Amino acid sequence: MNTPNYIKSLLTPNTKKPQGRKVWSIDLETVWIPFFTATNTVGDTAIPSEALGCPMRLAYDKTGAVRFSQTGRPVVRVAKELSEKCQTC
Protein backbone atom coordinates (compact mmCIF):
# COMPACT_ATOMS: atom_id res chain seq x y z
CA MET A 1 0.00 0.00 0.00
CA ASN A 2 1.25 3.46 -0.88
CA THR A 3 0.87 5.96 1.99
CA PRO A 4 0.11 9.55 0.85
CA ASN A 5 2.76 12.19 1.58
CA TYR A 6 0.43 14.29 3.74
CA ILE A 7 0.01 11.30 6.09
CA LYS A 8 3.77 10.71 6.18
CA SER A 9 4.35 14.37 7.06
CA LEU A 10 1.99 14.06 10.04
CA LEU A 11 4.00 11.11 11.34
CA THR A 12 7.39 12.80 10.97
CA PRO A 13 8.87 13.78 14.36
CA ASN A 14 8.92 17.49 15.10
CA THR A 15 12.35 18.59 16.34
CA LYS A 16 11.09 21.85 17.84
CA LYS A 17 10.64 21.90 21.60
CA PRO A 18 6.95 22.54 22.35
CA GLN A 19 6.22 25.90 23.93
CA GLY A 20 3.92 26.04 26.93
CA ARG A 21 1.51 28.86 27.66
CA LYS A 22 3.01 31.42 30.06
CA VAL A 23 1.04 33.27 32.72
CA TRP A 24 2.99 36.02 34.42
CA SER A 25 6.18 34.54 32.86
CA ILE A 26 5.58 31.15 34.51
CA ASP A 27 4.55 28.03 32.56
CA LEU A 28 0.86 27.23 32.97
CA GLU A 29 0.97 23.47 32.34
CA THR A 30 4.02 22.50 34.38
CA VAL A 31 3.87 25.01 37.26
CA TRP A 32 0.54 26.82 37.79
CA ILE A 33 -1.88 23.91 37.21
CA PRO A 34 -0.05 21.46 39.54
CA PHE A 35 0.47 24.24 42.10
CA PHE A 36 -3.20 25.26 42.20
CA THR A 37 -4.32 21.62 42.20
CA ALA A 38 -2.19 21.09 45.31
CA THR A 39 -3.45 24.28 47.00
CA ASN A 40 -7.04 23.22 46.27
CA THR A 41 -6.33 19.82 47.85
CA VAL A 42 -4.93 21.42 50.99
CA GLY A 43 -7.81 23.91 51.13
CA ASP A 44 -5.79 27.11 50.63
CA THR A 45 -7.63 27.96 47.38
CA ALA A 46 -11.03 27.15 45.90
CA ILE A 47 -10.42 27.29 42.17
CA PRO A 48 -13.21 25.55 40.22
CA SER A 49 -12.25 22.19 38.70
CA GLU A 50 -13.40 23.47 35.28
CA ALA A 51 -10.69 26.15 35.36
CA LEU A 52 -8.00 23.63 36.28
CA GLY A 53 -9.18 20.99 33.81
CA CYS A 54 -9.58 23.36 30.88
CA PRO A 55 -7.58 26.51 31.59
CA MET A 56 -7.72 27.95 28.05
CA ARG A 57 -10.87 29.85 26.98
CA LEU A 58 -11.95 31.80 23.93
CA ALA A 59 -11.70 35.57 24.33
CA TYR A 60 -14.83 37.63 23.69
CA ASP A 61 -15.23 41.30 22.82
CA LYS A 62 -17.69 43.73 24.44
CA THR A 63 -20.54 42.65 22.15
CA GLY A 64 -20.12 38.99 23.12
CA ALA A 65 -18.57 37.86 19.83
CA VAL A 66 -15.44 35.73 19.71
CA ARG A 67 -12.31 37.84 19.19
CA PHE A 68 -9.99 37.07 16.27
CA SER A 69 -6.36 38.05 15.72
CA GLN A 70 -5.05 39.86 12.64
CA THR A 71 -4.26 36.48 11.06
CA GLY A 72 -7.84 35.26 11.52
CA ARG A 73 -7.21 32.87 14.41
CA PRO A 74 -9.47 32.99 17.47
CA VAL A 75 -7.88 34.66 20.51
CA VAL A 76 -7.40 32.29 23.45
CA ARG A 77 -7.11 33.46 27.07
CA VAL A 78 -6.38 31.78 30.38
CA ALA A 79 -9.46 31.14 32.53
CA LYS A 80 -10.31 34.19 34.63
CA GLU A 81 -10.11 32.26 37.93
CA LEU A 82 -6.52 31.21 37.19
CA SER A 83 -5.28 34.53 35.84
CA GLU A 84 -6.65 36.36 38.90
CA LYS A 85 -4.96 33.91 41.29
CA CYS A 86 -1.67 34.12 39.36
CA GLN A 87 -1.64 37.89 39.87
CA THR A 88 -1.94 37.57 43.63
CA CYS A 89 0.81 34.93 44.04
PDB file of N, CA and C in Angstrom:
ATOM      1  N   MET A   1       0.844  -1.179   0.000  1.00  0.00           N
ATOM      2  CA  MET A   1       0.000   0.000   0.000  1.00  0.00           C
ATOM      3  C   MET A   1       0.890   1.243   0.000  1.00  0.00           C
ATOM      4  N   ASN A   2       0.478   2.236  -0.737  1.00  0.00           N
ATOM      5  CA  ASN A   2       1.254   3.457  -0.885  1.00  0.00           C
ATOM      6  C   ASN A   2       0.653   4.558  -0.001  1.00  0.00           C
ATOM      7  N   THR A   3       1.369   4.945   1.049  1.00  0.00           N
ATOM      8  CA  THR A   3       0.869   5.957   1.988  1.00  0.00           C
ATOM      9  C   THR A   3       1.054   7.344   1.382  1.00  0.00           C
ATOM     10  N   PRO A   4      -0.004   8.181   1.405  1.00  0.00           N
ATOM     11  CA  PRO A   4       0.113   9.546   0.852  1.00  0.00           C
ATOM     12  C   PRO A   4       1.133  10.373   1.634  1.00  0.00           C
ATOM     13  N   ASN A   5       1.741  11.344   0.964  1.00  0.00           N
ATOM     14  CA  ASN A   5       2.760  12.192   1.579  1.00  0.00           C
ATOM     15  C   ASN A   5       2.215  13.019   2.741  1.00  0.00           C
ATOM     16  N   TYR A   6       0.970  13.463   2.650  1.00  0.00           N
ATOM     17  CA  TYR A   6       0.434  14.286   3.739  1.00  0.00           C
ATOM     18  C   TYR A   6       0.283  13.468   5.021  1.00  0.00           C
ATOM     19  N   ILE A   7       0.060  12.162   4.910  1.00  0.00           N
ATOM     20  CA  ILE A   7       0.009  11.298   6.091  1.00  0.00           C
ATOM     21  C   ILE A   7       1.420  11.092   6.635  1.00  0.00           C
ATOM     22  N   LYS A   8       2.384  10.875   5.758  1.00  0.00           N
ATOM     23  CA  LYS A   8       3.773  10.710   6.177  1.00  0.00           C
ATOM     24  C   LYS A   8       4.272  11.948   6.899  1.00  0.00           C
ATOM     25  N   SER A   9       3.890  13.140   6.422  1.00  0.00           N
ATOM     26  CA  SER A   9       4.352  14.375   7.062  1.00  0.00           C
ATOM     27  C   SER A   9       3.766  14.534   8.464  1.00  0.00           C
ATOM     28  N   LEU A  10       2.580  14.006   8.699  1.00  0.00           N
ATOM     29  CA  LEU A  10       1.994  14.064  10.037  1.00  0.00           C
ATOM     30  C   LEU A  10       2.715  13.141  11.015  1.00  0.00           C
ATOM     31  N   LEU A  11       3.311  12.080  10.498  1.00  0.00           N
ATOM     32  CA  LEU A  11       4.002  11.109  11.339  1.00  0.00           C
ATOM     33  C   LEU A  11       5.475  11.432  11.548  1.00  0.00           C
ATOM     34  N   THR A  12       5.990  12.422  10.836  1.00  0.00           N
ATOM     35  CA  THR A  12       7.390  12.804  10.967  1.00  0.00           C
ATOM     36  C   THR A  12       7.604  13.509  12.300  1.00  0.00           C
ATOM     37  N   PRO A  13       8.629  13.123  13.074  1.00  0.00           N
ATOM     38  CA  PRO A  13       8.875  13.783  14.362  1.00  0.00           C
ATOM     39  C   PRO A  13       9.184  15.268  14.185  1.00  0.00           C
ATOM     40  N   ASN A  14       8.673  16.059  15.100  1.00  0.00           N
ATOM     41  CA  ASN A  14       8.917  17.490  15.103  1.00  0.00           C
ATOM     42  C   ASN A  14      10.095  17.761  16.037  1.00  0.00           C
ATOM     43  N   THR A  15      11.161  18.364  15.525  1.00  0.00           N
ATOM     44  CA  THR A  15      12.352  18.586  16.337  1.00  0.00           C
ATOM     45  C   THR A  15      12.252  19.816  17.226  1.00  0.00           C
ATOM     46  N   LYS A  16      11.253  20.656  17.017  1.00  0.00           N
ATOM     47  CA  LYS A  16      11.091  21.845  17.845  1.00  0.00           C
ATOM     48  C   LYS A  16      10.599  21.452  19.231  1.00  0.00           C
ATOM     49  N   LYS A  17      11.112  22.129  20.233  1.00  0.00           N
ATOM     50  CA  LYS A  17      10.642  21.904  21.599  1.00  0.00           C
ATOM     51  C   LYS A  17       9.289  22.611  21.742  1.00  0.00           C
ATOM     52  N   PRO A  18       8.259  21.908  22.226  1.00  0.00           N
ATOM     53  CA  PRO A  18       6.954  22.544  22.346  1.00  0.00           C
ATOM     54  C   PRO A  18       6.983  23.672  23.369  1.00  0.00           C
ATOM     55  N   GLN A  19       6.312  24.754  23.046  1.00  0.00           N
ATOM     56  CA  GLN A  19       6.219  25.903  23.929  1.00  0.00           C
ATOM     57  C   GLN A  19       4.951  25.810  24.757  1.00  0.00           C
ATOM     58  N   GLY A  20       5.075  26.019  26.055  1.00  0.00           N
ATOM     59  CA  GLY A  20       3.917  26.039  26.930  1.00  0.00           C
ATOM     60  C   GLY A  20       3.369  27.447  27.040  1.00  0.00           C
ATOM     61  N   ARG A  21       2.144  27.564  27.453  1.00  0.00           N
ATOM     62  CA  ARG A  21       1.509  28.861  27.659  1.00  0.00           C
ATOM     63  C   ARG A  21       2.049  29.479  28.946  1.00  0.00           C
ATOM     64  N   LYS A  22       2.469  30.728  28.897  1.00  0.00           N
ATOM     65  CA  LYS A  22       3.014  31.417  30.058  1.00  0.00           C
ATOM     66  C   LYS A  22       1.959  32.338  30.666  1.00  0.00           C
ATOM     67  N   VAL A  23       1.897  32.347  31.986  1.00  0.00           N
ATOM     68  CA  VAL A  23       1.043  33.270  32.722  1.00  0.00           C
ATOM     69  C   VAL A  23       1.951  33.962  33.724  1.00  0.00           C
ATOM     70  N   TRP A  24       2.092  35.252  33.575  1.00  0.00           N
ATOM     71  CA  TRP A  24       2.995  36.023  34.418  1.00  0.00           C
ATOM     72  C   TRP A  24       4.401  35.428  34.368  1.00  0.00           C
ATOM     73  N   SER A  25       4.843  35.069  33.162  1.00  0.00           N
ATOM     74  CA  SER A  25       6.180  34.542  32.863  1.00  0.00           C
ATOM     75  C   SER A  25       6.450  33.170  33.473  1.00  0.00           C
ATOM     76  N   ILE A  26       5.427  32.486  33.943  1.00  0.00           N
ATOM     77  CA  ILE A  26       5.579  31.148  34.512  1.00  0.00           C
ATOM     78  C   ILE A  26       4.711  30.187  33.705  1.00  0.00           C
ATOM     79  N   ASP A  27       5.250  29.000  33.404  1.00  0.00           N
ATOM     80  CA  ASP A  27       4.551  28.029  32.564  1.00  0.00           C
ATOM     81  C   ASP A  27       3.254  27.559  33.218  1.00  0.00           C
ATOM     82  N   LEU A  28       2.176  27.607  32.463  1.00  0.00           N
ATOM     83  CA  LEU A  28       0.860  27.233  32.967  1.00  0.00           C
ATOM     84  C   LEU A  28       0.750  25.731  33.218  1.00  0.00           C
ATOM     85  N   GLU A  29       1.174  24.915  32.254  1.00  0.00           N
ATOM     86  CA  GLU A  29       0.974  23.468  32.337  1.00  0.00           C
ATOM     87  C   GLU A  29       1.851  22.776  33.367  1.00  0.00           C
ATOM     88  N   THR A  30       3.097  23.222  33.498  1.00  0.00           N
ATOM     89  CA  THR A  30       4.023  22.501  34.380  1.00  0.00           C
ATOM     90  C   THR A  30       4.179  23.124  35.758  1.00  0.00           C
ATOM     91  N   VAL A  31       3.714  24.361  35.955  1.00  0.00           N
ATOM     92  CA  VAL A  31       3.873  25.011  37.258  1.00  0.00           C
ATOM     93  C   VAL A  31       2.529  25.406  37.866  1.00  0.00           C
ATOM     94  N   TRP A  32       1.764  26.287  37.184  1.00  0.00           N
ATOM     95  CA  TRP A  32       0.540  26.817  37.788  1.00  0.00           C
ATOM     96  C   TRP A  32      -0.528  25.759  38.026  1.00  0.00           C
ATOM     97  N   ILE A  33      -0.818  24.911  37.040  1.00  0.00           N
ATOM     98  CA  ILE A  33      -1.884  23.908  37.206  1.00  0.00           C
ATOM     99  C   ILE A  33      -1.560  22.934  38.339  1.00  0.00           C
ATOM    100  N   PRO A  34      -0.355  22.334  38.387  1.00  0.00           N
ATOM    101  CA  PRO A  34      -0.051  21.461  39.535  1.00  0.00           C
ATOM    102  C   PRO A  34      -0.059  22.209  40.870  1.00  0.00           C
ATOM    103  N   PHE A  35       0.434  23.452  40.867  1.00  0.00           N
ATOM    104  CA  PHE A  35       0.470  24.244  42.097  1.00  0.00           C
ATOM    105  C   PHE A  35      -0.945  24.503  42.623  1.00  0.00           C
ATOM    106  N   PHE A  36      -1.840  24.958  41.751  1.00  0.00           N
ATOM    107  CA  PHE A  36      -3.203  25.257  42.198  1.00  0.00           C
ATOM    108  C   PHE A  36      -4.001  23.993  42.502  1.00  0.00           C
ATOM    109  N   THR A  37      -3.690  22.892  41.843  1.00  0.00           N
ATOM    110  CA  THR A  37      -4.325  21.619  42.198  1.00  0.00           C
ATOM    111  C   THR A  37      -3.935  21.232  43.622  1.00  0.00           C
ATOM    112  N   ALA A  38      -2.660  21.404  43.954  1.00  0.00           N
ATOM    113  CA  ALA A  38      -2.187  21.089  45.307  1.00  0.00           C
ATOM    114  C   ALA A  38      -2.797  22.032  46.344  1.00  0.00           C
ATOM    115  N   THR A  39      -2.872  23.335  46.030  1.00  0.00           N
ATOM    116  CA  THR A  39      -3.447  24.278  47.002  1.00  0.00           C
ATOM    117  C   THR A  39      -4.945  24.043  47.180  1.00  0.00           C
ATOM    118  N   ASN A  40      -5.625  23.592  46.126  1.00  0.00           N
ATOM    119  CA  ASN A  40      -7.040  23.217  46.274  1.00  0.00           C
ATOM    120  C   ASN A  40      -7.176  22.008  47.193  1.00  0.00           C
ATOM    121  N   THR A  41      -6.293  21.036  47.036  1.00  0.00           N
ATOM    122  CA  THR A  41      -6.334  19.823  47.847  1.00  0.00           C
ATOM    123  C   THR A  41      -6.139  20.147  49.326  1.00  0.00           C
ATOM    124  N   VAL A  42      -5.212  21.034  49.612  1.00  0.00           N
ATOM    125  CA  VAL A  42      -4.933  21.421  50.993  1.00  0.00           C
ATOM    126  C   VAL A  42      -6.033  22.312  51.557  1.00  0.00           C
ATOM    127  N   GLY A  43      -6.739  23.028  50.690  1.00  0.00           N
ATOM    128  CA  GLY A  43      -7.810  23.915  51.126  1.00  0.00           C
ATOM    129  C   GLY A  43      -7.421  25.374  51.168  1.00  0.00           C
ATOM    130  N   ASP A  44      -6.228  25.713  50.643  1.00  0.00           N
ATOM    131  CA  ASP A  44      -5.794  27.110  50.628  1.00  0.00           C
ATOM    132  C   ASP A  44      -6.468  27.924  49.538  1.00  0.00           C
ATOM    133  N   THR A  45      -6.904  27.283  48.457  1.00  0.00           N
ATOM    134  CA  THR A  45      -7.630  27.959  47.378  1.00  0.00           C
ATOM    135  C   THR A  45      -8.894  27.178  47.060  1.00  0.00           C
ATOM    136  N   ALA A  46      -9.781  27.807  46.334  1.00  0.00           N
ATOM    137  CA  ALA A  46     -11.028  27.154  45.901  1.00  0.00           C
ATOM    138  C   ALA A  46     -11.267  27.453  44.430  1.00  0.00           C
ATOM    139  N   ILE A  47     -10.298  27.073  43.606  1.00  0.00           N
ATOM    140  CA  ILE A  47     -10.417  27.292  42.168  1.00  0.00           C
ATOM    141  C   ILE A  47     -11.300  26.192  41.593  1.00  0.00           C
ATOM    142  N   PRO A  48     -12.312  26.562  40.780  1.00  0.00           N
ATOM    143  CA  PRO A  48     -13.208  25.545  40.217  1.00  0.00           C
ATOM    144  C   PRO A  48     -12.453  24.510  39.386  1.00  0.00           C
ATOM    145  N   SER A  49     -12.907  23.268  39.438  1.00  0.00           N
ATOM    146  CA  SER A  49     -12.248  22.191  38.697  1.00  0.00           C
ATOM    147  C   SER A  49     -12.299  22.430  37.191  1.00  0.00           C
ATOM    148  N   GLU A  50     -13.307  23.148  36.707  1.00  0.00           N
ATOM    149  CA  GLU A  50     -13.401  23.467  35.278  1.00  0.00           C
ATOM    150  C   GLU A  50     -12.232  24.338  34.837  1.00  0.00           C
ATOM    151  N   ALA A  51     -11.812  25.264  35.693  1.00  0.00           N
ATOM    152  CA  ALA A  51     -10.689  26.148  35.356  1.00  0.00           C
ATOM    153  C   ALA A  51      -9.374  25.392  35.353  1.00  0.00           C
ATOM    154  N   LEU A  52      -9.228  24.422  36.246  1.00  0.00           N
ATOM    155  CA  LEU A  52      -7.998  23.628  36.282  1.00  0.00           C
ATOM    156  C   LEU A  52      -7.969  22.593  35.161  1.00  0.00           C
ATOM    157  N   GLY A  53      -9.111  22.018  34.841  1.00  0.00           N
ATOM    158  CA  GLY A  53      -9.176  20.988  33.809  1.00  0.00           C
ATOM    159  C   GLY A  53      -9.093  21.528  32.402  1.00  0.00           C
ATOM    160  N   CYS A  54      -9.601  22.732  32.201  1.00  0.00           N
ATOM    161  CA  CYS A  54      -9.576  23.364  30.877  1.00  0.00           C
ATOM    162  C   CYS A  54      -9.236  24.843  31.065  1.00  0.00           C
ATOM    163  N   PRO A  55      -7.953  25.146  31.240  1.00  0.00           N
ATOM    164  CA  PRO A  55      -7.578  26.515  31.585  1.00  0.00           C
ATOM    165  C   PRO A  55      -7.625  27.510  30.432  1.00  0.00           C
ATOM    166  N   MET A  56      -7.706  27.039  29.197  1.00  0.00           N
ATOM    167  CA  MET A  56      -7.721  27.946  28.051  1.00  0.00           C
ATOM    168  C   MET A  56      -9.153  28.179  27.583  1.00  0.00           C
ATOM    169  N   ARG A  57      -9.507  29.454  27.388  1.00  0.00           N
ATOM    170  CA  ARG A  57     -10.866  29.849  26.978  1.00  0.00           C
ATOM    171  C   ARG A  57     -10.796  30.802  25.793  1.00  0.00           C
ATOM    172  N   LEU A  58     -11.856  30.819  25.009  1.00  0.00           N
ATOM    173  CA  LEU A  58     -11.950  31.797  23.930  1.00  0.00           C
ATOM    174  C   LEU A  58     -12.138  33.185  24.530  1.00  0.00           C
ATOM    175  N   ALA A  59     -11.541  34.185  23.893  1.00  0.00           N
ATOM    176  CA  ALA A  59     -11.703  35.570  24.332  1.00  0.00           C
ATOM    177  C   ALA A  59     -12.883  36.184  23.579  1.00  0.00           C
ATOM    178  N   TYR A  60     -13.667  36.975  24.286  1.00  0.00           N
ATOM    179  CA  TYR A  60     -14.834  37.625  23.689  1.00  0.00           C
ATOM    180  C   TYR A  60     -14.674  39.131  23.753  1.00  0.00           C
ATOM    181  N   ASP A  61     -15.254  39.838  22.776  1.00  0.00           N
ATOM    182  CA  ASP A  61     -15.233  41.297  22.820  1.00  0.00           C
ATOM    183  C   ASP A  61     -16.442  41.809  23.596  1.00  0.00           C
ATOM    184  N   LYS A  62     -16.627  43.126  23.639  1.00  0.00           N
ATOM    185  CA  LYS A  62     -17.694  43.726  24.442  1.00  0.00           C
ATOM    186  C   LYS A  62     -19.089  43.349  23.965  1.00  0.00           C
ATOM    187  N   THR A  63     -19.227  43.016  22.690  1.00  0.00           N
ATOM    188  CA  THR A  63     -20.540  42.648  22.152  1.00  0.00           C
ATOM    189  C   THR A  63     -20.865  41.176  22.381  1.00  0.00           C
ATOM    190  N   GLY A  64     -19.895  40.410  22.868  1.00  0.00           N
ATOM    191  CA  GLY A  64     -20.115  38.990  23.122  1.00  0.00           C
ATOM    192  C   GLY A  64     -19.673  38.086  21.986  1.00  0.00           C
ATOM    193  N   ALA A  65     -19.057  38.662  20.954  1.00  0.00           N
ATOM    194  CA  ALA A  65     -18.567  37.865  19.825  1.00  0.00           C
ATOM    195  C   ALA A  65     -17.146  37.388  20.112  1.00  0.00           C
ATOM    196  N   VAL A  66     -16.791  36.261  19.550  1.00  0.00           N
ATOM    197  CA  VAL A  66     -15.441  35.726  19.708  1.00  0.00           C
ATOM    198  C   VAL A  66     -14.453  36.677  19.034  1.00  0.00           C
ATOM    199  N   ARG A  67     -13.339  36.964  19.736  1.00  0.00           N
ATOM    200  CA  ARG A  67     -12.306  37.836  19.187  1.00  0.00           C
ATOM    201  C   ARG A  67     -11.383  37.036  18.283  1.00  0.00           C
ATOM    202  N   PHE A  68     -10.929  37.684  17.205  1.00  0.00           N
ATOM    203  CA  PHE A  68      -9.994  37.070  16.269  1.00  0.00           C
ATOM    204  C   PHE A  68      -8.768  37.946  16.127  1.00  0.00           C
ATOM    205  N   SER A  69      -7.605  37.312  15.911  1.00  0.00           N
ATOM    206  CA  SER A  69      -6.356  38.052  15.717  1.00  0.00           C
ATOM    207  C   SER A  69      -6.301  38.584  14.287  1.00  0.00           C
ATOM    208  N   GLN A  70      -5.237  39.322  13.989  1.00  0.00           N
ATOM    209  CA  GLN A  70      -5.054  39.863  12.637  1.00  0.00           C
ATOM    210  C   GLN A  70      -4.929  38.752  11.595  1.00  0.00           C
ATOM    211  N   THR A  71      -4.428  37.585  12.000  1.00  0.00           N
ATOM    212  CA  THR A  71      -4.264  36.475  11.061  1.00  0.00           C
ATOM    213  C   THR A  71      -5.532  35.649  10.894  1.00  0.00           C
ATOM    214  N   GLY A  72      -6.582  35.974  11.652  1.00  0.00           N
ATOM    215  CA  GLY A  72      -7.843  35.260  11.522  1.00  0.00           C
ATOM    216  C   GLY A  72      -8.043  34.131  12.508  1.00  0.00           C
ATOM    217  N   ARG A  73      -7.075  33.926  13.398  1.00  0.00           N
ATOM    218  CA  ARG A  73      -7.211  32.870  14.406  1.00  0.00           C
ATOM    219  C   ARG A  73      -7.989  33.393  15.612  1.00  0.00           C
ATOM    220  N   PRO A  74      -8.769  32.537  16.268  1.00  0.00           N
ATOM    221  CA  PRO A  74      -9.466  32.991  17.468  1.00  0.00           C
ATOM    222  C   PRO A  74      -8.470  33.265  18.598  1.00  0.00           C
ATOM    223  N   VAL A  75      -8.741  34.296  19.382  1.00  0.00           N
ATOM    224  CA  VAL A  75      -7.877  34.656  20.508  1.00  0.00           C
ATOM    225  C   VAL A  75      -8.236  33.763  21.690  1.00  0.00           C
ATOM    226  N   VAL A  76      -7.210  33.196  22.327  1.00  0.00           N
ATOM    227  CA  VAL A  76      -7.400  32.289  23.454  1.00  0.00           C
ATOM    228  C   VAL A  76      -6.807  32.932  24.700  1.00  0.00           C
ATOM    229  N   ARG A  77      -7.544  32.890  25.788  1.00  0.00           N
ATOM    230  CA  ARG A  77      -7.108  33.460  27.068  1.00  0.00           C
ATOM    231  C   ARG A  77      -7.079  32.378  28.139  1.00  0.00           C
ATOM    232  N   VAL A  78      -6.386  32.668  29.218  1.00  0.00           N
ATOM    233  CA  VAL A  78      -6.376  31.785  30.383  1.00  0.00           C
ATOM    234  C   VAL A  78      -7.653  32.048  31.174  1.00  0.00           C
ATOM    235  N   ALA A  79      -8.229  31.002  31.744  1.00  0.00           N
ATOM    236  CA  ALA A  79      -9.457  31.136  32.530  1.00  0.00           C
ATOM    237  C   ALA A  79      -9.297  32.240  33.571  1.00  0.00           C
ATOM    238  N   LYS A  80     -10.343  33.024  33.742  1.00  0.00           N
ATOM    239  CA  LYS A  80     -10.314  34.188  34.631  1.00  0.00           C
ATOM    240  C   LYS A  80      -9.919  33.813  36.056  1.00  0.00           C
ATOM    241  N   GLU A  81     -10.416  32.688  36.560  1.00  0.00           N
ATOM    242  CA  GLU A  81     -10.114  32.261  37.927  1.00  0.00           C
ATOM    243  C   GLU A  81      -8.610  32.026  38.121  1.00  0.00           C
ATOM    244  N   LEU A  82      -7.961  31.470  37.101  1.00  0.00           N
ATOM    245  CA  LEU A  82      -6.518  31.213  37.189  1.00  0.00           C
ATOM    246  C   LEU A  82      -5.706  32.492  37.031  1.00  0.00           C
ATOM    247  N   SER A  83      -6.076  33.319  36.068  1.00  0.00           N
ATOM    248  CA  SER A  83      -5.282  34.532  35.842  1.00  0.00           C
ATOM    249  C   SER A  83      -5.369  35.481  37.031  1.00  0.00           C
ATOM    250  N   GLU A  84      -6.518  35.519  37.704  1.00  0.00           N
ATOM    251  CA  GLU A  84      -6.650  36.359  38.896  1.00  0.00           C
ATOM    252  C   GLU A  84      -5.789  35.832  40.034  1.00  0.00           C
ATOM    253  N   LYS A  85      -5.766  34.517  40.222  1.00  0.00           N
ATOM    254  CA  LYS A  85      -4.956  33.911  41.286  1.00  0.00           C
ATOM    255  C   LYS A  85      -3.467  34.079  40.985  1.00  0.00           C
ATOM    256  N   CYS A  86      -3.077  33.978  39.728  1.00  0.00           N
ATOM    257  CA  CYS A  86      -1.667  34.115  39.359  1.00  0.00           C
ATOM    258  C   CYS A  86      -1.168  35.526  39.660  1.00  0.00           C
ATOM    259  N   GLN A  87      -2.025  36.519  39.577  1.00  0.00           N
ATOM    260  CA  GLN A  87      -1.637  37.894  39.868  1.00  0.00           C
ATOM    261  C   GLN A  87      -1.354  38.083  41.356  1.00  0.00           C
ATOM    262  N   THR A  88      -2.078  37.367  42.201  1.00  0.00           N
ATOM    263  CA  THR A  88      -1.938  37.567  43.631  1.00  0.00           C
ATOM    264  C   THR A  88      -0.820  36.744  44.245  1.00  0.00           C
ATOM    265  N   CYS A  89      -0.275  35.773  43.494  1.00  0.00           N
ATOM    266  CA  CYS A  89       0.808  34.932  44.038  1.00  0.00           C
ATOM    267  C   CYS A  89       2.137  35.628  43.987  1.00  0.00           C
TER     268      CYS A  89
END
